[in-house]
Protein backbone atom coordinates (compact mmCIF):
# COMPACT_ATOMS: atom_id res chain seq x y z
CA MET A 1 0.02 0.15 0.19
CA LYS A 2 1.12 3.23 -0.83
CA TRP A 3 0.60 6.49 0.87
CA LEU A 4 1.33 10.48 -0.86
CA VAL A 5 2.54 12.42 1.75
CA ALA A 6 3.44 16.67 1.68
CA SER A 7 7.06 16.12 1.11
CA GLY A 8 6.41 14.39 -2.21
CA TRP A 9 7.44 11.23 -1.08
CA TRP A 10 5.67 7.93 -1.47
CA LEU A 11 5.28 5.86 1.70
CA GLU A 12 4.60 2.14 0.79
CA ASN A 13 3.93 -0.45 3.41
CA CYS A 14 6.47 -3.48 3.33
CA GLY A 15 5.47 -5.46 5.75
CA PRO A 16 6.23 -5.92 9.86
CA GLY A 17 9.67 -5.34 10.23
CA THR A 18 10.97 -4.61 6.90
CA GLY A 19 10.37 -0.39 7.24
CA ASP A 20 13.57 1.70 7.67
CA TRP A 21 11.35 4.06 9.73
CA GLY A 22 10.55 1.32 12.48
CA LEU A 23 7.17 1.82 11.11
CA GLY A 24 6.46 -1.39 8.59
CA MET A 25 7.13 1.40 5.78
CA ARG A 26 9.90 2.42 2.93
CA THR A 27 9.86 5.49 0.94
CA ARG A 28 10.53 6.10 -2.94
CA HIS A 29 10.56 9.41 -4.58
CA SER A 30 7.09 10.57 -6.36
CA THR A 31 6.92 10.43 -10.05
CA LEU A 32 5.04 13.55 -10.42
CA THR A 33 6.92 16.26 -11.93
CA THR A 34 6.18 20.03 -12.24
CA HIS A 35 5.62 21.38 -15.95
CA HIS A 36 6.38 25.30 -16.46
CA SER A 37 5.75 27.26 -19.50
CA PRO A 38 7.65 28.76 -21.17
CA LEU A 39 8.35 32.65 -21.09
CA THR A 40 5.88 34.61 -23.53
CA THR A 41 7.58 37.71 -24.89
CA ARG A 42 5.74 40.92 -26.36
CA SER A 43 7.06 43.16 -29.34
CA GLY A 44 5.31 46.49 -28.44
CA ILE A 45 2.19 47.50 -27.30
CA THR A 46 -1.14 47.57 -28.09
CA LEU A 47 -2.97 50.54 -29.79
CA ILE A 48 -5.64 50.41 -26.70
CA GLU A 49 -2.72 51.31 -24.26
CA ILE A 50 -1.71 54.19 -26.85
CA LEU A 51 -4.94 55.78 -26.58
CA ILE A 52 -5.37 55.23 -22.89
CA SER A 53 -1.81 57.23 -22.15
CA MET A 54 -2.96 59.87 -24.63
CA PHE A 55 -5.96 60.48 -22.71
CA VAL A 56 -4.60 60.53 -19.43
CA LEU A 57 -1.77 62.79 -20.91
CA LEU A 58 -4.41 64.91 -22.04
CA PHE A 59 -6.38 65.27 -19.49
CA GLY A 60 -3.68 66.07 -17.18
CA LEU A 61 -1.71 68.95 -18.56
CA MET A 62 -4.95 70.64 -19.31
CA GLY A 63 -5.54 70.10 -15.54
CA VAL A 64 -2.31 72.39 -15.43
CA ALA A 65 -3.06 74.52 -17.88
CA ALA A 66 -6.38 75.54 -16.38
CA ILE A 67 -4.53 76.56 -12.62
CA PHE A 68 -2.71 79.18 -14.41
CA PRO A 69 -5.75 81.46 -15.48
CA VAL A 70 -6.67 80.95 -12.17
CA ALA A 71 -3.50 81.36 -9.99
CA SER A 72 -3.19 84.64 -12.13
CA HIS A 73 -6.53 85.95 -11.09
CA TYR A 74 -6.04 85.15 -7.34
CA LEU A 75 -2.09 86.90 -7.83
CA VAL A 76 -3.82 90.21 -9.48
CA GLN A 77 -6.21 90.14 -6.02
CA GLY A 78 -3.51 89.51 -3.67
CA ASP A 79 -1.46 92.01 -5.15
CA GLN A 80 -4.62 94.68 -5.31
CA LYS A 81 -5.34 93.62 -1.69
CA ASP A 82 -1.72 94.68 -0.43
CA ARG A 83 -1.63 97.93 -2.60
CA SER A 84 -4.96 99.44 -1.89
CA ASP A 85 -4.37 98.35 2.19
CA GLN A 86 -0.99 99.96 1.90
CA LEU A 87 -2.65 102.84 0.58
CA ALA A 88 -5.45 103.21 2.95
CA ASN A 89 -2.99 103.09 5.77
CA ASN A 90 -0.97 106.34 4.14
CA ALA A 91 -4.09 107.91 3.36
CA PHE A 92 -4.64 108.10 7.03
CA ALA A 93 -1.41 109.42 7.56
CA GLU A 94 -1.33 111.91 5.01
CA ILE A 95 -4.83 113.14 6.15
CA GLU A 96 -3.15 113.20 9.90
CA ALA A 97 0.17 114.99 8.84
CA ARG A 98 -2.07 117.59 6.23
CA GLY A 99 -4.88 118.41 8.78
CA PHE A 100 -7.17 116.99 5.95
CA MET A 101 -9.79 117.11 9.51
CA ASP A 102 -9.52 121.01 9.67
CA PRO A 103 -13.17 121.88 8.17
CA HIS A 104 -11.62 125.59 7.76
CA SER A 105 -9.88 124.21 4.80
CA TRP A 106 -12.26 122.72 3.13
CA TYR A 107 -13.89 124.16 -0.08
CA TYR A 108 -17.33 123.07 -1.80
CA ALA A 109 -16.43 121.71 -5.15
CA ASP A 110 -18.43 124.60 -6.78
CA HIS A 111 -16.36 125.34 -10.07
CA MET A 112 -17.60 128.74 -10.82
CA ASP A 113 -15.02 129.85 -13.11
CA ALA A 114 -15.87 128.38 -16.91
CA THR A 115 -12.43 128.36 -17.99
CA PRO A 116 -10.40 124.97 -17.91
CA ASN A 117 -7.91 124.61 -14.74
CA ASN A 118 -9.03 127.86 -13.28
CA LEU A 119 -10.94 126.42 -10.62
CA LEU A 120 -12.38 129.36 -8.89
CA ASP A 121 -13.78 128.67 -5.83
CA ASN A 122 -15.77 131.43 -3.44
CA TYR A 123 -17.44 128.75 -1.27
CA PRO A 124 -15.01 127.58 1.47
CA VAL A 125 -17.11 125.36 3.87
CA GLY A 126 -16.33 127.73 7.16
CA THR A 127 -18.38 130.81 5.53
CA LYS A 128 -20.70 129.31 3.11
CA VAL A 129 -23.41 131.25 5.54
CA THR A 130 -21.88 134.31 6.94
CA ALA A 131 -25.39 136.04 7.76
CA SER A 132 -24.79 133.10 10.93
CA PRO A 133 -21.64 131.54 11.05
CA THR A 134 -22.36 130.27 14.62
CA GLY A 135 -25.28 128.55 12.85
CA LEU A 136 -23.59 127.04 9.56
CA PHE A 137 -24.13 123.07 10.27
CA THR A 138 -27.48 123.60 12.49
CA LEU A 139 -29.44 120.20 11.78
CA GLY A 140 -31.76 122.38 9.56
CA SER A 141 -29.38 123.83 7.64
CA ASP A 142 -28.06 123.30 3.89
CA ALA A 143 -24.42 123.12 4.82
CA GLY A 144 -24.34 119.40 4.58
CA HIS A 145 -24.02 116.10 6.67
CA ALA A 146 -21.58 114.24 5.71
CA PHE A 147 -18.78 114.93 3.38
CA ALA A 148 -16.24 112.97 0.51
CA ILE A 149 -12.81 114.87 0.79
CA ASP A 150 -12.48 114.32 -3.07
CA PRO A 151 -9.93 116.95 -4.75
CA LEU A 152 -9.42 114.39 -7.80
CA GLY A 153 -13.07 114.57 -8.34
CA SER A 154 -13.65 117.83 -8.20
CA ALA A 155 -10.61 118.87 -10.06
CA GLU A 156 -11.93 116.63 -13.06
CA VAL A 157 -15.37 117.93 -13.23
CA ASP A 158 -16.19 119.56 -16.62
CA PRO A 159 -16.36 123.39 -15.83
CA ASN A 160 -18.66 123.87 -19.48
CA ASP A 161 -20.87 121.11 -18.12
CA PRO A 162 -24.55 122.42 -18.89
CA ASN A 163 -25.66 121.06 -15.52
CA PRO A 164 -25.92 123.45 -12.62
CA SER A 165 -22.47 124.15 -11.00
CA SER A 166 -23.91 123.38 -7.70
CA TYR A 167 -24.11 119.64 -9.10
CA ARG A 168 -20.35 119.35 -8.28
CA ALA A 169 -20.84 120.33 -4.78
CA TYR A 170 -22.98 116.77 -3.98
CA PHE A 171 -21.25 113.50 -3.66
CA PRO A 172 -22.58 111.21 -5.80
CA TYR A 173 -22.44 113.90 -8.62
CA GLY A 174 -25.69 115.13 -9.43
CA ALA A 175 -27.54 113.80 -6.62
CA LEU A 176 -30.83 115.09 -6.71
CA ASP A 177 -29.62 118.75 -6.14
CA GLY A 178 -32.01 121.36 -5.06
CA LEU A 179 -35.12 118.81 -4.77
CA PRO A 180 -36.91 118.14 -1.13
CA TRP A 181 -36.52 114.69 0.79
CA PRO A 182 -40.13 114.90 2.51
CA ASN A 183 -43.05 112.96 0.78
CA VAL A 184 -40.52 111.93 -2.41
CA PRO A 185 -40.39 108.32 -2.64
CA LEU A 186 -36.81 108.91 -4.41
CA TYR A 187 -35.54 110.20 -1.15
CA PHE A 188 -35.92 109.74 2.61
CA PRO A 189 -39.05 109.46 3.67
CA PRO A 190 -40.37 109.70 6.22
CA VAL A 191 -37.60 111.68 8.45
CA PRO A 192 -38.68 113.67 11.86
CA PRO A 193 -39.89 117.19 10.95
CA GLY A 194 -37.45 119.52 11.21
CA THR A 195 -34.36 118.09 11.66
CA LEU A 196 -32.92 117.94 8.24
CA SER A 197 -31.80 119.89 5.53
CA THR A 198 -33.90 120.00 2.46
CA LEU A 199 -31.32 119.62 0.01
CA TRP A 200 -29.11 116.30 -0.49
CA PRO A 201 -26.89 116.08 2.32
CA VAL A 202 -23.56 114.95 1.30
CA ARG A 203 -21.30 117.15 -0.32
CA ARG A 204 -17.75 116.94 -1.98
CA VAL A 205 -14.69 119.26 -0.89
CA THR A 206 -11.57 119.96 -1.49
CA PHE A 207 -8.81 121.92 -1.04
CA GLU A 208 -7.22 125.43 -1.71
CA ARG A 209 -4.37 125.69 -3.88
CA THR A 210 -3.72 129.72 -4.06
CA THR A 211 -6.49 132.51 -3.06
CA GLY A 212 -9.33 132.27 -4.25
CA TYR A 213 -8.36 128.64 -6.30
CA VAL A 214 -8.60 124.86 -5.65
CA LEU A 215 -6.36 122.32 -6.34
CA ASP A 216 -6.12 121.33 -10.05
CA THR A 217 -5.51 117.49 -10.97
CA ASN A 218 -1.84 117.88 -11.35
CA LYS A 219 -1.93 118.92 -7.57
CA ALA A 220 -4.26 116.70 -6.27
CA GLU A 221 -2.85 113.81 -7.59
CA THR A 222 0.77 114.54 -5.64
CA THR A 223 -1.79 113.15 -2.49
CA PHE A 224 -4.82 111.37 -3.46
CA ARG A 225 -3.42 108.72 -5.97
CA LEU A 226 -0.86 106.20 -5.52
CA ARG A 227 2.31 106.60 -7.82
CA ASP A 228 5.36 103.66 -6.74
CA ASP A 229 2.82 101.32 -9.79
CA LEU A 230 5.81 102.49 -12.31
CA ALA A 231 5.11 102.07 -15.96
CA VAL A 232 7.50 100.02 -17.79
CA GLU A 233 7.30 100.14 -21.47
CA LEU A 234 8.15 96.85 -23.32
CA PRO A 235 10.05 97.53 -26.52
CA ASP A 236 8.67 95.37 -29.46
CA GLN A 237 11.60 94.09 -30.58
CA GLY A 238 11.70 90.98 -27.87
CA ASP A 239 15.64 91.29 -27.34
CA ARG A 240 15.62 94.93 -26.03
CA PRO A 241 15.04 95.61 -22.26
CA ALA A 242 12.35 96.89 -20.72
CA MET A 243 12.58 100.96 -20.40
CA GLN A 244 10.72 103.67 -17.84
CA ARG A 245 9.91 107.03 -18.82
CA TRP A 246 10.16 109.95 -16.89
CA SER A 247 8.05 112.76 -16.51
CA VAL A 248 10.08 116.25 -17.44
CA ASP A 249 9.36 119.92 -16.49
CA ASN A 250 8.49 121.39 -20.01
CA THR A 251 10.17 124.72 -18.72
CA THR A 252 13.92 123.46 -17.88
CA GLY A 253 13.73 119.98 -18.97
CA ASN A 254 15.20 118.25 -15.86
CA LEU A 255 13.84 114.96 -14.83
CA LEU A 256 10.92 115.17 -12.37
CA ALA A 257 9.79 112.04 -11.42
CA ARG A 258 9.46 108.13 -13.24
CA GLN A 259 5.96 108.07 -14.86
CA TYR A 260 3.55 105.87 -13.14
CA GLN A 261 0.28 104.20 -13.84
CA GLY A 262 -1.43 105.51 -11.23
CA ASP A 263 -4.40 102.96 -10.89
CA TYR A 264 -5.14 103.15 -7.29
CA SER A 265 -6.38 106.59 -6.09
CA TRP A 266 -8.49 107.17 -2.68
CA LEU A 267 -10.85 109.28 -1.41
CA ALA A 268 -12.10 109.91 2.16
CA THR A 269 -15.57 110.33 3.71
CA VAL A 270 -16.40 112.22 6.46
CA VAL A 271 -19.71 111.28 8.53
CA PRO A 272 -20.56 112.93 12.49
CA VAL A 273 -20.98 110.16 14.71
CA ASP A 274 -24.07 111.92 16.86
CA ASN A 275 -25.37 115.71 16.03
CA ASN A 276 -22.90 117.14 18.72
CA ALA A 277 -20.29 116.14 16.37
CA LEU A 278 -22.32 117.77 13.39
CA LEU A 279 -22.75 121.22 15.51
CA GLY A 280 -19.35 120.83 16.36
CA LEU A 281 -18.01 121.47 12.78
CA GLN A 282 -18.53 125.22 12.73
CA PRO A 283 -15.85 127.31 14.35
CA ALA A 284 -17.86 129.16 16.79
CA ALA A 285 -19.49 126.32 18.52
CA ASN A 286 -16.66 125.46 20.70
CA LEU A 287 -18.16 121.48 20.84
CA ASP A 288 -15.20 119.53 21.69
CA GLY A 289 -14.68 116.10 21.77
CA GLY A 290 -16.62 115.07 18.23
CA LEU A 291 -15.86 112.14 16.75
CA TYR A 292 -16.11 111.44 13.22
CA ASP A 293 -15.84 108.11 10.93
CA VAL A 294 -13.43 108.77 8.29
CA SER A 295 -13.77 105.99 5.63
CA VAL A 296 -10.69 105.95 3.13
CA VAL A 297 -12.05 104.04 -0.05
CA VAL A 298 -9.32 102.77 -2.24
CA PHE A 299 -10.30 102.94 -6.22
CA TYR A 300 -8.62 100.61 -8.96
CA LYS A 301 -8.62 102.19 -12.26
CA ARG A 302 -11.71 105.00 -11.05
CA ASP A 303 -13.14 106.87 -13.64
CA ILE A 304 -12.68 110.28 -12.02
CA VAL A 305 -14.41 112.60 -14.12
CA PRO A 306 -17.57 112.39 -12.24
CA SER A 307 -20.98 112.15 -14.11
CA ALA A 308 -24.32 110.84 -13.33
CA SER A 309 -26.07 108.17 -15.43
CA ALA A 310 -28.23 108.59 -18.45
CA SER A 311 -30.36 106.53 -20.77
CA GLY A 312 -27.64 103.67 -21.81
CA SER A 313 -24.81 105.15 -20.09
CA PRO A 314 -23.77 104.27 -16.89
CA GLY A 315 -22.15 106.87 -15.33
CA SER A 316 -18.92 107.55 -13.08
CA GLU A 317 -20.89 108.13 -9.80
CA ARG A 318 -24.73 106.42 -9.39
CA LEU A 319 -27.40 106.56 -6.88
CA ILE A 320 -30.15 104.06 -6.62
CA ALA A 321 -32.78 103.17 -4.40
CA ALA A 322 -32.24 100.50 -1.58
CA GLU A 323 -33.72 98.78 1.34
CA PHE A 324 -32.68 96.25 3.82
CA LEU A 325 -34.13 92.81 4.03
CA ASN A 326 -32.18 91.58 6.98
CA GLN A 327 -28.63 92.60 8.39
CA GLY A 328 -26.52 91.81 5.37
CA GLU A 329 -29.30 91.24 2.37
CA LEU A 330 -29.78 94.90 0.38
CA LEU A 331 -32.21 95.22 -2.21
CA ILE A 332 -31.73 97.72 -4.48
CA TYR A 333 -34.81 98.66 -6.96
CA ASP A 334 -35.75 101.92 -9.23
CA ALA A 335 -37.97 103.79 -7.04
CA ASN A 336 -39.31 106.20 -9.91
CA SER A 337 -40.88 103.77 -12.15
CA ASN A 338 -39.53 100.44 -10.97
CA ASP A 339 -37.16 100.05 -14.92
CA PRO A 340 -35.06 97.21 -14.43
CA ASP A 341 -32.75 98.47 -16.85
CA VAL A 342 -32.38 101.61 -14.23
CA VAL A 343 -31.26 98.90 -11.94
CA ASP A 344 -28.83 97.10 -14.47
CA ALA A 345 -26.83 100.52 -15.48
CA ALA A 346 -26.74 101.36 -11.60
CA VAL A 347 -24.89 97.86 -11.23
CA ASP A 348 -23.00 98.05 -14.53
CA GLY A 349 -19.19 97.11 -13.91
CA LEU A 350 -20.18 96.30 -10.07
CA ARG A 351 -18.83 92.83 -8.86
CA ALA A 352 -18.12 90.55 -5.78
CA THR A 353 -15.37 92.33 -3.57
CA ASN A 354 -16.38 95.84 -4.76
CA TRP A 355 -17.46 98.53 -1.86
CA ILE A 356 -20.69 100.23 -1.83
CA CYS A 357 -21.74 102.99 0.06
CA VAL A 358 -25.40 103.18 1.95
CA MET A 359 -27.18 105.91 2.95
CA GLY A 360 -30.44 107.08 4.94
CA VAL A 361 -31.68 108.87 8.17
CA ASN A 362 -32.08 106.89 11.59
CA GLN A 363 -35.88 107.05 12.36
CA ILE A 364 -35.43 107.98 15.95
CA ASN A 365 -33.26 110.47 16.20
CA GLY A 366 -32.89 112.26 12.39
CA GLN A 367 -29.55 111.65 12.40
CA PHE A 368 -27.93 110.92 8.53
CA MET A 369 -26.29 107.88 8.63
CA MET A 370 -23.57 106.79 5.49
CA LYS A 371 -21.61 103.18 5.98
CA TRP A 372 -19.76 101.51 3.39
CA TYR A 373 -20.19 98.21 2.89
CA ARG A 374 -18.12 95.19 1.31
CA ILE A 375 -20.34 92.79 -1.84
CA LEU A 376 -20.03 89.28 -0.80
CA ALA A 377 -22.39 88.42 -3.64
CA MET A 378 -25.25 89.68 -5.89
CA ASP A 379 -28.48 88.71 -7.94
CA GLU A 380 -26.94 88.14 -11.89
CA ASP A 381 -30.20 89.37 -13.12
CA SER A 382 -33.29 92.17 -11.88
CA GLU A 383 -36.23 90.04 -11.34
CA ASP A 384 -39.43 90.19 -9.76
CA MET A 385 -38.71 90.37 -5.74
CA GLN A 386 -42.27 89.42 -5.10
CA TYR A 387 -41.77 92.42 -2.69
CA SER A 388 -43.11 96.03 -2.32
CA PRO A 389 -41.00 98.57 -0.61
CA ALA A 390 -41.58 101.82 0.66
CA GLY A 391 -42.47 104.18 -2.27
CA ILE A 392 -43.28 102.12 -4.99
CA THR A 393 -46.96 100.52 -5.78
CA GLY A 394 -46.63 96.62 -6.55
CA ASN A 395 -43.60 94.25 -6.30
CA ALA A 396 -40.09 95.86 -6.61
CA ILE A 397 -38.04 94.66 -9.97
CA GLY A 398 -34.31 94.70 -8.77
CA ARG A 399 -31.64 92.80 -7.41
CA THR A 400 -30.37 91.63 -4.06
CA LEU A 401 -26.73 91.78 -2.61
CA MET A 402 -25.05 90.05 0.28
CA VAL A 403 -23.21 92.38 2.16
CA SER A 404 -20.70 92.58 4.99
CA GLU A 405 -18.19 94.38 7.03
CA GLY A 406 -20.06 97.33 7.14
CA GLY A 407 -21.11 97.17 10.62
CA ALA A 408 -25.12 96.88 11.46
CA TRP A 409 -27.65 99.31 10.38
CA PRO A 410 -30.31 100.03 13.10
CA SER A 411 -33.44 97.78 11.93
CA ASP A 412 -35.93 100.49 12.73
CA SER A 413 -34.59 102.40 9.66
CA TRP A 414 -33.75 99.74 7.06
CA GLN A 415 -36.52 101.70 4.58
CA ASN A 416 -36.40 104.40 2.39
CA LEU A 417 -32.15 104.53 1.63
CA GLN A 418 -30.34 105.28 -0.68
CA VAL A 419 -26.71 103.37 -2.47
CA ALA A 420 -23.78 105.43 -3.60
CA ILE A 421 -22.20 103.04 -6.77
CA LEU A 422 -18.96 103.96 -7.43
CA PRO A 423 -17.36 101.33 -9.55
CA GLY A 424 -13.85 100.66 -8.89
CA ALA A 425 -14.16 100.83 -5.29
CA ILE A 426 -11.92 98.00 -3.90
CA HIS A 427 -10.84 98.83 -0.55
CA VAL A 428 -12.37 100.43 2.29
CA GLN A 429 -10.86 101.53 5.89
CA THR A 430 -13.32 103.04 8.84
CA ARG A 431 -11.62 105.07 11.97
CA GLN A 432 -12.90 107.56 14.03
CA MET A 433 -11.09 110.21 13.96
CA PRO A 434 -11.36 114.16 15.86
CA LEU A 435 -10.98 117.16 14.06
CA SER A 436 -7.61 118.47 13.44
CA CYS A 437 -8.42 122.18 13.74
CA GLU A 438 -6.51 124.41 16.05
CA CYS A 439 -10.02 125.28 18.20
CA CYS A 440 -10.80 121.48 18.65
CA GLN A 441 -7.95 120.70 20.08
C-alpha cells in the first residue's frame, strides 16, 4: 500500500519488520513532476494602451493649464489687496499730517469759473453762511451732514458742464440737487420733521491751492493717487530690455519723476457720529471731543470724471434706492418707475468684493447715516422680488446684494435708503477721528 505525503514522497507498506522507519514502511520519490510554461515575450504595446495613455496625458495637461488663469486671478487680487491696504494706511497718515480733518480748509466743489484749469471756488465750507456763522451746521441747514474729501473728482468736473455748477458740490455727482426729501419716494421719507436739510446732505469738498482757487488735477494727484506702480515700456523687439520713462519739466527739461500707471487712487468720507459732532463743525460752536467716522475708499482704475447715469450710459457715480431685507441682505430697485434697466445700469461693472455706500436717516433721532459695505454676492439679473418696498406700488423689480463689513444698520431704519455706487471701489478702511483744527484741540 502507498501513501502520498506532504514531502512529495511515497510511503509503501513493506510488511512488518522490513521498513527503514521502524513503522513497517519504506519510501521512494514521487513520480509526479512539475511542468513550467515557457515565457512569452511581447514585441510592443497595443493601440488601446496608446489611446489610454494619450487620454490621461491630455487631461493631465489640461488640468495643469487650467491652473494658470486661476492662479493669475488670485495673484492680481492679492496684489490689489496688498496695495490697497497699504494705500489706505498711507491715506490716514496723510489726513493727519496735512490737517485734512480741519473743516476750515474745506472748499465746496462749486467751480464758478468756466475757464478750464481756473478752478475758482468762492465757497469755503467755513463761511458758506456768513450771516449766521454759529448756525452754519444746524440740523435744519443746507451746509451738509456728511462730506466726501475728493479733490481729484472735484478737479475733473468739466467747468463747461451744462448742469448747474452746484451739482459738483454733491456726492455722488448730481445727487438730487435742489429737490426736497420729504414726501418724495426717491429720497428719505418719512423723516422726523425739522431735523434735516431739504437738500441732498452729502457734499464733495476739496482744498485751496492759492487764494481763490482750489487744487487742480496735477496737485491733487500728488496726494490722492498712488504713484509707486511704475510704468514699464516693453519694446517691440523681444531682445531689448524694458524701459521706464520720466516726466520732464516743460520749462527747464529737468527730470521730475518716473512715470507711473496711477491705477490706484482714494477719497475719504467724513460722517459725524452724532448731532453734537455735526454742530462741532462750525468754528464758533466750541464743542470739543466730537468724533467722526472717516472712511478711506481705495479705487482701482477709477473713472475720476464725475458723471451721472443717462439712458444707455452708466455714469461714474450712481445713486439708486435701496432697502435692507435683513442684516447683510440689501435690495436695490428703481423708486421712480420700477424699471429693471435702471437697476442694470446702476450695477454695470459692479462685482463681488467691490464696495458700495449705503445712506439713510435714523428714524429715531434724525441723524444722517453713511456706511460702506463690501459685496459678497449679488443677483445676476433683475427680477420680480415678490415684495413691495416703501415708495412704489406693486412688487419691486430689482436685485439683492449680500453685504458685510460695514457694521450693523439700525433695524428701525431699514427702509427709504439710497446706495451710492462708484465702480472700482476695492477697499475701505474706517476709523473714528477728531477734528484737527486748532479750535478743537
